[in-house]
């Protein structure tokens, strides 16, 4: 039996509501499904937190202040559950 690889996809965002939906849909359309998608938001003010993330399989949304993109990436990294991580 082939060893299957599971991985975490991390998306960091701030005030990118319309672009975020395109990203989520693109990830959801992939044929390989052994992943979890972590969306780390930096407390956006553009209604990003109003997206219904529960309707997307394997997707988790977290909103917390950060000190920029690298801090956001590090915060999301702590939430990753798989051996491989993709930003």
PDB file of N, CA and C in Angstrom:
ATOM      1  N   UNK A   1       0.837  -1.182   0.000  1.00  0.00           N
ATOM      2  CA  UNK A   1       0.000   0.000   0.000  1.00  0.00           C
ATOM      3  C   UNK A   1       0.881   1.243   0.000  1.00  0.00           C
ATOM      4  N   UNK A   2       0.520   2.166  -0.779  1.00  0.00           N
ATOM      5  CA  UNK A   2       1.252   3.413  -0.912  1.00  0.00           C
ATOM      6  C   UNK A   2       1.091   4.272   0.346  1.00  0.00           C
ATOM      7  N   UNK A   3       2.191   4.866   0.820  1.00  0.00           N
ATOM      8  CA  UNK A   3       2.105   5.783   1.952  1.00  0.00           C
ATOM      9  C   UNK A   3       1.500   7.095   1.493  1.00  0.00           C
ATOM     10  N   UNK A   4       0.418   7.489   2.126  1.00  0.00           N
ATOM     11  CA  UNK A   4      -0.234   8.740   1.776  1.00  0.00           C
ATOM     12  C   UNK A   4       0.307   9.861   2.651  1.00  0.00           C
ATOM     13  N   UNK A   5       0.486  11.005   2.060  1.00  0.00           N
ATOM     14  CA  UNK A   5       1.040  12.160   2.744  1.00  0.00           C
ATOM     15  C   UNK A   5      -0.096  13.122   3.080  1.00  0.00           C
ATOM     16  N   UNK A   6      -0.136  13.540   4.337  1.00  0.00           N
ATOM     17  CA  UNK A   6      -1.086  14.578   4.717  1.00  0.00           C
ATOM     18  C   UNK A   6      -0.299  15.850   5.025  1.00  0.00           C
ATOM     19  N   UNK A   7      -0.914  16.970   4.769  1.00  0.00           N
ATOM     20  CA  UNK A   7      -0.208  18.223   4.969  1.00  0.00           C
ATOM     21  C   UNK A   7      -1.172  19.328   5.380  1.00  0.00           C
ATOM     22  N   UNK A   8      -0.602  20.406   5.895  1.00  0.00           N
ATOM     23  CA  UNK A   8      -1.359  21.592   6.279  1.00  0.00           C
ATOM     24  C   UNK A   8      -1.068  22.704   5.278  1.00  0.00           C
ATOM     25  N   UNK A   9      -2.114  23.364   4.853  1.00  0.00           N
ATOM     26  CA  UNK A   9      -2.000  24.548   4.002  1.00  0.00           C
ATOM     27  C   UNK A   9      -2.317  25.739   4.892  1.00  0.00           C
ATOM     28  N   UNK A  10      -1.393  26.689   4.962  1.00  0.00           N
ATOM     29  CA  UNK A  10      -1.591  27.870   5.795  1.00  0.00           C
ATOM     30  C   UNK A  10      -1.750  29.091   4.899  1.00  0.00           C
ATOM     31  N   UNK A  11      -2.835  29.817   5.144  1.00  0.00           N
ATOM     32  CA  UNK A  11      -3.078  31.083   4.461  1.00  0.00           C
ATOM     33  C   UNK A  11      -3.132  32.168   5.525  1.00  0.00           C
ATOM     34  N   UNK A  12      -2.245  33.155   5.427  1.00  0.00           N
ATOM     35  CA  UNK A  12      -2.315  34.303   6.331  1.00  0.00           C
ATOM     36  C   UNK A  12      -2.960  35.449   5.565  1.00  0.00           C
ATOM     37  N   UNK A  13      -3.822  36.175   6.252  1.00  0.00           N
ATOM     38  CA  UNK A  13      -4.597  37.201   5.566  1.00  0.00           C
ATOM     39  C   UNK A  13      -4.868  38.387   6.476  1.00  0.00           C
ATOM     40  N   UNK A  14      -5.080  39.533   5.837  1.00  0.00           N
ATOM     41  CA  UNK A  14      -5.526  40.738   6.533  1.00  0.00           C
ATOM     42  C   UNK A  14      -6.261  41.601   5.523  1.00  0.00           C
ATOM     43  N   UNK A  15      -7.522  41.850   5.774  1.00  0.00           N
ATOM     44  CA  UNK A  15      -8.370  42.657   4.894  1.00  0.00           C
ATOM     45  C   UNK A  15      -8.309  42.188   3.439  1.00  0.00           C
ATOM     46  N   UNK A  16      -8.508  40.902   3.247  1.00  0.00           N
ATOM     47  CA  UNK A  16      -8.453  40.320   1.904  1.00  0.00           C
ATOM     48  C   UNK A  16      -9.680  39.439   1.646  1.00  0.00           C
ATOM     49  N   UNK A  17     -10.843  39.892   2.082  1.00  0.00           N
ATOM     50  CA  UNK A  17     -12.067  39.111   1.998  1.00  0.00           C
ATOM     51  C   UNK A  17     -12.310  38.521   0.614  1.00  0.00           C
ATOM     52  N   UNK A  18     -12.310  39.337  -0.420  1.00  0.00           N
ATOM     53  CA  UNK A  18     -12.637  38.831  -1.766  1.00  0.00           C
ATOM     54  C   UNK A  18     -11.564  37.882  -2.294  1.00  0.00           C
ATOM     55  N   UNK A  19     -10.314  38.144  -2.023  1.00  0.00           N
ATOM     56  CA  UNK A  19      -9.247  37.259  -2.474  1.00  0.00           C
ATOM     57  C   UNK A  19      -9.247  35.950  -1.697  1.00  0.00           C
ATOM     58  N   UNK A  20      -9.618  36.007  -0.440  1.00  0.00           N
ATOM     59  CA  UNK A  20      -9.631  34.821   0.396  1.00  0.00           C
ATOM     60  C   UNK A  20     -10.630  33.793  -0.111  1.00  0.00           C
ATOM     61  N   UNK A  21     -11.795  34.227  -0.531  1.00  0.00           N
ATOM     62  CA  UNK A  21     -12.791  33.293  -1.071  1.00  0.00           C
ATOM     63  C   UNK A  21     -12.265  32.569  -2.300  1.00  0.00           C
ATOM     64  N   UNK A  22     -11.565  33.263  -3.167  1.00  0.00           N
ATOM     65  CA  UNK A  22     -10.976  32.611  -4.348  1.00  0.00           C
ATOM     66  C   UNK A  22      -9.948  31.569  -3.924  1.00  0.00           C
ATOM     67  N   UNK A  23      -9.159  31.880  -2.920  1.00  0.00           N
ATOM     68  CA  UNK A  23      -8.155  30.933  -2.423  1.00  0.00           C
ATOM     69  C   UNK A  23      -8.818  29.692  -1.838  1.00  0.00           C
ATOM     70  N   UNK A  24      -9.826  29.893  -1.015  1.00  0.00           N
ATOM     71  CA  UNK A  24     -10.534  28.761  -0.406  1.00  0.00           C
ATOM     72  C   UNK A  24     -11.138  27.869  -1.482  1.00  0.00           C
ATOM     73  N   UNK A  25     -11.812  28.459  -2.449  1.00  0.00           N
ATOM     74  CA  UNK A  25     -12.437  27.667  -3.515  1.00  0.00           C
ATOM     75  C   UNK A  25     -11.393  26.896  -4.316  1.00  0.00           C
ATOM     76  N   UNK A  26     -10.268  27.499  -4.587  1.00  0.00           N
ATOM     77  CA  UNK A  26      -9.205  26.817  -5.320  1.00  0.00           C
ATOM     78  C   UNK A  26      -8.697  25.603  -4.544  1.00  0.00           C
ATOM     79  N   UNK A  27      -8.491  25.765  -3.268  1.00  0.00           N
ATOM     80  CA  UNK A  27      -8.014  24.656  -2.441  1.00  0.00           C
ATOM     81  C   UNK A  27      -9.067  23.559  -2.364  1.00  0.00           C
ATOM     82  N   UNK A  28     -10.317  23.927  -2.204  1.00  0.00           N
ATOM     83  CA  UNK A  28     -11.393  22.946  -2.103  1.00  0.00           C
ATOM     84  C   UNK A  28     -11.562  22.134  -3.390  1.00  0.00           C
ATOM     85  N   UNK A  29     -11.198  22.690  -4.517  1.00  0.00           N
ATOM     86  CA  UNK A  29     -11.353  22.012  -5.805  1.00  0.00           C
ATOM     87  C   UNK A  29     -10.236  21.017  -6.115  1.00  0.00           C
ATOM     88  N   UNK A  30      -9.212  20.963  -5.287  1.00  0.00           N
ATOM     89  CA  UNK A  30      -8.111  20.039  -5.541  1.00  0.00           C
ATOM     90  C   UNK A  30      -8.578  18.595  -5.371  1.00  0.00           C
ATOM     91  N   UNK A  31      -8.007  17.700  -6.138  1.00  0.00           N
ATOM     92  CA  UNK A  31      -8.414  16.294  -6.061  1.00  0.00           C
ATOM     93  C   UNK A  31      -7.803  15.582  -4.848  1.00  0.00           C
ATOM     94  N   UNK A  32      -6.636  16.011  -4.408  1.00  0.00           N
ATOM     95  CA  UNK A  32      -5.992  15.397  -3.241  1.00  0.00           C
ATOM     96  C   UNK A  32      -6.610  16.006  -1.988  1.00  0.00           C
ATOM     97  N   UNK A  33      -7.143  15.200  -1.118  1.00  0.00           N
ATOM     98  CA  UNK A  33      -7.932  15.702   0.009  1.00  0.00           C
ATOM     99  C   UNK A  33      -7.313  15.482   1.386  1.00  0.00           C
ATOM    100  N   UNK A  34      -6.108  14.955   1.465  1.00  0.00           N
ATOM    101  CA  UNK A  34      -5.494  14.708   2.775  1.00  0.00           C
ATOM    102  C   UNK A  34      -4.749  15.951   3.262  1.00  0.00           C
ATOM    103  N   UNK A  35      -5.507  16.970   3.589  1.00  0.00           N
ATOM    104  CA  UNK A  35      -4.930  18.223   4.052  1.00  0.00           C
ATOM    105  C   UNK A  35      -5.883  18.876   5.044  1.00  0.00           C
ATOM    106  N   UNK A  36      -5.358  19.816   5.809  1.00  0.00           N
ATOM    107  CA  UNK A  36      -6.205  20.745   6.525  1.00  0.00           C
ATOM    108  C   UNK A  36      -5.750  22.142   6.144  1.00  0.00           C
ATOM    109  N   UNK A  37      -6.704  23.040   6.030  1.00  0.00           N
ATOM    110  CA  UNK A  37      -6.435  24.415   5.615  1.00  0.00           C
ATOM    111  C   UNK A  37      -6.619  25.318   6.827  1.00  0.00           C
ATOM    112  N   UNK A  38      -5.553  25.966   7.212  1.00  0.00           N
ATOM    113  CA  UNK A  38      -5.568  26.886   8.346  1.00  0.00           C
ATOM    114  C   UNK A  38      -5.530  28.301   7.796  1.00  0.00           C
ATOM    115  N   UNK A  39      -6.539  29.085   8.140  1.00  0.00           N
ATOM    116  CA  UNK A  39      -6.582  30.492   7.729  1.00  0.00           C
ATOM    117  C   UNK A  39      -6.330  31.325   8.971  1.00  0.00           C
ATOM    118  N   UNK A  40      -5.228  32.050   8.959  1.00  0.00           N
ATOM    119  CA  UNK A  40      -4.850  32.913  10.085  1.00  0.00           C
ATOM    120  C   UNK A  40      -5.067  34.355   9.666  1.00  0.00           C
ATOM    121  N   UNK A  41      -6.026  35.002  10.315  1.00  0.00           N
ATOM    122  CA  UNK A  41      -6.391  36.386  10.000  1.00  0.00           C
ATOM    123  C   UNK A  41      -5.837  37.309  11.081  1.00  0.00           C
ATOM    124  N   UNK A  42      -5.394  38.458  10.683  1.00  0.00           N
ATOM    125  CA  UNK A  42      -4.831  39.435  11.612  1.00  0.00           C
ATOM    126  C   UNK A  42      -5.838  40.450  12.103  1.00  0.00           C
ATOM    127  N   UNK A  43      -7.054  40.018  12.450  1.00  0.00           N
ATOM    128  CA  UNK A  43      -8.133  40.892  12.933  1.00  0.00           C
ATOM    129  C   UNK A  43      -8.565  41.885  11.855  1.00  0.00           C
ATOM    130  N   UNK A  44      -8.892  41.383  10.703  1.00  0.00           N
ATOM    131  CA  UNK A  44      -9.337  42.208   9.574  1.00  0.00           C
ATOM    132  C   UNK A  44     -10.550  43.051   9.941  1.00  0.00           C
ATOM    133  N   UNK A  45     -10.708  44.155   9.232  1.00  0.00           N
ATOM    134  CA  UNK A  45     -11.854  45.043   9.421  1.00  0.00           C
ATOM    135  C   UNK A  45     -12.773  45.049   8.193  1.00  0.00           C
ATOM    136  N   UNK A  46     -12.567  44.129   7.272  1.00  0.00           N
ATOM    137  CA  UNK A  46     -13.323  44.124   6.009  1.00  0.00           C
ATOM    138  C   UNK A  46     -14.347  42.993   5.909  1.00  0.00           C
ATOM    139  N   UNK A  47     -14.835  42.492   7.013  1.00  0.00           N
ATOM    140  CA  UNK A  47     -15.832  41.421   7.035  1.00  0.00           C
ATOM    141  C   UNK A  47     -15.262  40.032   6.735  1.00  0.00           C
ATOM    142  N   UNK A  48     -13.955  39.877   6.754  1.00  0.00           N
ATOM    143  CA  UNK A  48     -13.357  38.557   6.536  1.00  0.00           C
ATOM    144  C   UNK A  48     -13.921  37.544   7.523  1.00  0.00           C
ATOM    145  N   UNK A  49     -14.105  37.951   8.762  1.00  0.00           N
ATOM    146  CA  UNK A  49     -14.595  37.017   9.782  1.00  0.00           C
ATOM    147  C   UNK A  49     -16.065  36.644   9.597  1.00  0.00           C
ATOM    148  N   UNK A  50     -16.762  37.260   8.664  1.00  0.00           N
ATOM    149  CA  UNK A  50     -18.175  36.951   8.407  1.00  0.00           C
ATOM    150  C   UNK A  50     -18.349  35.815   7.399  1.00  0.00           C
ATOM    151  N   UNK A  51     -17.264  35.370   6.777  1.00  0.00           N
ATOM    152  CA  UNK A  51     -17.341  34.241   5.849  1.00  0.00           C
ATOM    153  C   UNK A  51     -17.734  33.000   6.639  1.00  0.00           C
ATOM    154  N   UNK A  52     -18.608  32.184   6.089  1.00  0.00           N
ATOM    155  CA  UNK A  52     -19.032  30.946   6.747  1.00  0.00           C
ATOM    156  C   UNK A  52     -17.990  29.859   6.470  1.00  0.00           C
ATOM    157  N   UNK A  53     -16.962  29.814   7.285  1.00  0.00           N
ATOM    158  CA  UNK A  53     -15.868  28.866   7.093  1.00  0.00           C
ATOM    159  C   UNK A  53     -16.275  27.431   7.382  1.00  0.00           C
ATOM    160  N   UNK A  54     -17.326  27.225   8.151  1.00  0.00           N
ATOM    161  CA  UNK A  54     -17.742  25.865   8.519  1.00  0.00           C
ATOM    162  C   UNK A  54     -18.230  25.061   7.319  1.00  0.00           C
ATOM    163  N   UNK A  55     -18.617  25.720   6.251  1.00  0.00           N
ATOM    164  CA  UNK A  55     -19.101  24.973   5.087  1.00  0.00           C
ATOM    165  C   UNK A  55     -17.964  24.422   4.217  1.00  0.00           C
ATOM    166  N   UNK A  56     -16.736  24.768   4.541  1.00  0.00           N
ATOM    167  CA  UNK A  56     -15.585  24.284   3.779  1.00  0.00           C
ATOM    168  C   UNK A  56     -14.904  23.164   4.548  1.00  0.00           C
ATOM    169  N   UNK A  57     -14.818  22.018   3.917  1.00  0.00           N
ATOM    170  CA  UNK A  57     -14.238  20.839   4.554  1.00  0.00           C
ATOM    171  C   UNK A  57     -12.757  21.060   4.889  1.00  0.00           C
ATOM    172  N   UNK A  58     -12.353  20.593   6.058  1.00  0.00           N
ATOM    173  CA  UNK A  58     -10.956  20.640   6.508  1.00  0.00           C
ATOM    174  C   UNK A  58     -10.404  22.055   6.614  1.00  0.00           C
ATOM    175  N   UNK A  59     -11.259  23.039   6.858  1.00  0.00           N
ATOM    176  CA  UNK A  59     -10.824  24.434   6.935  1.00  0.00           C
ATOM    177  C   UNK A  59     -11.102  24.988   8.325  1.00  0.00           C
ATOM    178  N   UNK A  60     -10.072  25.621   8.906  1.00  0.00           N
ATOM    179  CA  UNK A  60     -10.216  26.265  10.206  1.00  0.00           C
ATOM    180  C   UNK A  60      -9.777  27.716  10.101  1.00  0.00           C
ATOM    181  N   UNK A  61     -10.529  28.594  10.728  1.00  0.00           N
ATOM    182  CA  UNK A  61     -10.273  30.034  10.688  1.00  0.00           C
ATOM    183  C   UNK A  61      -9.919  30.519  12.086  1.00  0.00           C
ATOM    184  N   UNK A  62      -8.838  31.281  12.177  1.00  0.00           N
ATOM    185  CA  UNK A  62      -8.416  31.888  13.431  1.00  0.00           C
ATOM    186  C   UNK A  62      -8.137  33.363  13.179  1.00  0.00           C
ATOM    187  N   UNK A  63      -8.642  34.219  14.063  1.00  0.00           N
ATOM    188  CA  UNK A  63      -8.382  35.645  13.948  1.00  0.00           C
ATOM    189  C   UNK A  63      -7.765  36.121  15.255  1.00  0.00           C
ATOM    190  N   UNK A  64      -6.571  36.657  15.132  1.00  0.00           N
ATOM    191  CA  UNK A  64      -5.832  37.134  16.298  1.00  0.00           C
ATOM    192  C   UNK A  64      -4.839  38.183  15.827  1.00  0.00           C
ATOM    193  N   UNK A  65      -4.617  39.190  16.653  1.00  0.00           N
ATOM    194  CA  UNK A  65      -3.631  40.210  16.293  1.00  0.00           C
ATOM    195  C   UNK A  65      -2.266  39.585  16.112  1.00  0.00           C
ATOM    196  N   UNK A  66      -1.515  40.159  15.193  1.00  0.00           N
ATOM    197  CA  UNK A  66      -0.137  39.727  14.983  1.00  0.00           C
ATOM    198  C   UNK A  66       0.706  40.946  14.664  1.00  0.00           C
ATOM    199  N   UNK A  67       1.987  40.732  14.562  1.00  0.00           N
ATOM    200  CA  UNK A  67       2.926  41.831  14.318  1.00  0.00           C
ATOM    201  C   UNK A  67       3.415  41.842  12.876  1.00  0.00           C
ATOM    202  N   UNK A  68       2.634  41.287  11.987  1.00  0.00           N
ATOM    203  CA  UNK A  68       3.012  41.245  10.580  1.00  0.00           C
ATOM    204  C   UNK A  68       2.969  39.831  10.042  1.00  0.00           C
ATOM    205  N   UNK A  69       3.308  39.701   8.784  1.00  0.00           N
ATOM    206  CA  UNK A  69       3.139  38.436   8.079  1.00  0.00           C
ATOM    207  C   UNK A  69       3.939  37.289   8.711  1.00  0.00           C
ATOM    208  N   UNK A  70       5.167  37.548   9.145  1.00  0.00           N
ATOM    209  CA  UNK A  70       5.974  36.459   9.705  1.00  0.00           C
ATOM    210  C   UNK A  70       5.460  36.017  11.065  1.00  0.00           C
ATOM    211  N   UNK A  71       4.996  36.957  11.860  1.00  0.00           N
ATOM    212  CA  UNK A  71       4.389  36.603  13.136  1.00  0.00           C
ATOM    213  C   UNK A  71       3.108  35.800  12.894  1.00  0.00           C
ATOM    214  N   UNK A  72       2.319  36.207  11.921  1.00  0.00           N
ATOM    215  CA  UNK A  72       1.093  35.470  11.572  1.00  0.00           C
ATOM    216  C   UNK A  72       1.428  34.051  11.114  1.00  0.00           C
ATOM    217  N   UNK A  73       2.455  33.912  10.313  1.00  0.00           N
ATOM    218  CA  UNK A  73       2.871  32.585   9.855  1.00  0.00           C
ATOM    219  C   UNK A  73       3.302  31.714  11.028  1.00  0.00           C
ATOM    220  N   UNK A  74       4.043  32.284  11.964  1.00  0.00           N
ATOM    221  CA  UNK A  74       4.477  31.525  13.139  1.00  0.00           C
ATOM    222  C   UNK A  74       3.291  31.112  14.007  1.00  0.00           C
ATOM    223  N   UNK A  75       2.319  32.001  14.174  1.00  0.00           N
ATOM    224  CA  UNK A  75       1.124  31.651  14.939  1.00  0.00           C
ATOM    225  C   UNK A  75       0.379  30.497  14.272  1.00  0.00           C
ATOM    226  N   UNK A  76       0.231  30.557  12.965  1.00  0.00           N
ATOM    227  CA  UNK A  76      -0.471  29.497  12.233  1.00  0.00           C
ATOM    228  C   UNK A  76       0.318  28.192  12.268  1.00  0.00           C
ATOM    229  N   UNK A  77       1.618  28.285  12.182  1.00  0.00           N
ATOM    230  CA  UNK A  77       2.481  27.096  12.240  1.00  0.00           C
ATOM    231  C   UNK A  77       2.205  26.293  13.513  1.00  0.00           C
ATOM    232  N   UNK A  78       1.979  26.990  14.617  1.00  0.00           N
ATOM    233  CA  UNK A  78       1.693  26.325  15.892  1.00  0.00           C
ATOM    234  C   UNK A  78       0.393  25.530  15.844  1.00  0.00           C
ATOM    235  N   UNK A  79      -0.503  25.860  14.918  1.00  0.00           N
ATOM    236  CA  UNK A  79      -1.797  25.186  14.802  1.00  0.00           C
ATOM    237  C   UNK A  79      -1.760  24.007  13.832  1.00  0.00           C
ATOM    238  N   UNK A  80      -0.701  23.908  13.065  1.00  0.00           N
ATOM    239  CA  UNK A  80      -0.608  22.853  12.050  1.00  0.00           C
ATOM    240  C   UNK A  80      -0.516  21.482  12.702  1.00  0.00           C
ATOM    241  N   UNK A  81      -1.147  20.497  12.079  1.00  0.00           N
ATOM    242  CA  UNK A  81      -1.225  19.161  12.649  1.00  0.00           C
ATOM    243  C   UNK A  81      -0.486  18.105  11.830  1.00  0.00           C
ATOM    244  N   UNK A  82      -0.024  18.450  10.689  1.00  0.00           N
ATOM    245  CA  UNK A  82       0.555  17.456   9.792  1.00  0.00           C
ATOM    246  C   UNK A  82       2.062  17.611   9.675  1.00  0.00           C
ATOM    247  N   UNK A  83       2.679  16.594   9.118  1.00  0.00           N
ATOM    248  CA  UNK A  83       4.129  16.580   8.988  1.00  0.00           C
ATOM    249  C   UNK A  83       4.632  17.634   7.998  1.00  0.00           C
ATOM    250  N   UNK A  84       3.862  17.881   6.955  1.00  0.00           N
ATOM    251  CA  UNK A  84       4.252  18.837   5.924  1.00  0.00           C
ATOM    252  C   UNK A  84       3.370  20.071   6.003  1.00  0.00           C
ATOM    253  N   UNK A  85       3.992  21.229   5.782  1.00  0.00           N
ATOM    254  CA  UNK A  85       3.272  22.496   5.860  1.00  0.00           C
ATOM    255  C   UNK A  85       3.576  23.305   4.616  1.00  0.00           C
ATOM    256  N   UNK A  86       2.536  23.877   4.051  1.00  0.00           N
ATOM    257  CA  UNK A  86       2.663  24.720   2.862  1.00  0.00           C
ATOM    258  C   UNK A  86       2.076  26.081   3.187  1.00  0.00           C
ATOM    259  N   UNK A  87       2.825  27.135   2.886  1.00  0.00           N
ATOM    260  CA  UNK A  87       2.322  28.504   3.064  1.00  0.00           C
ATOM    261  C   UNK A  87       1.858  29.034   1.732  1.00  0.00           C
TER     262      UNK A  87
END
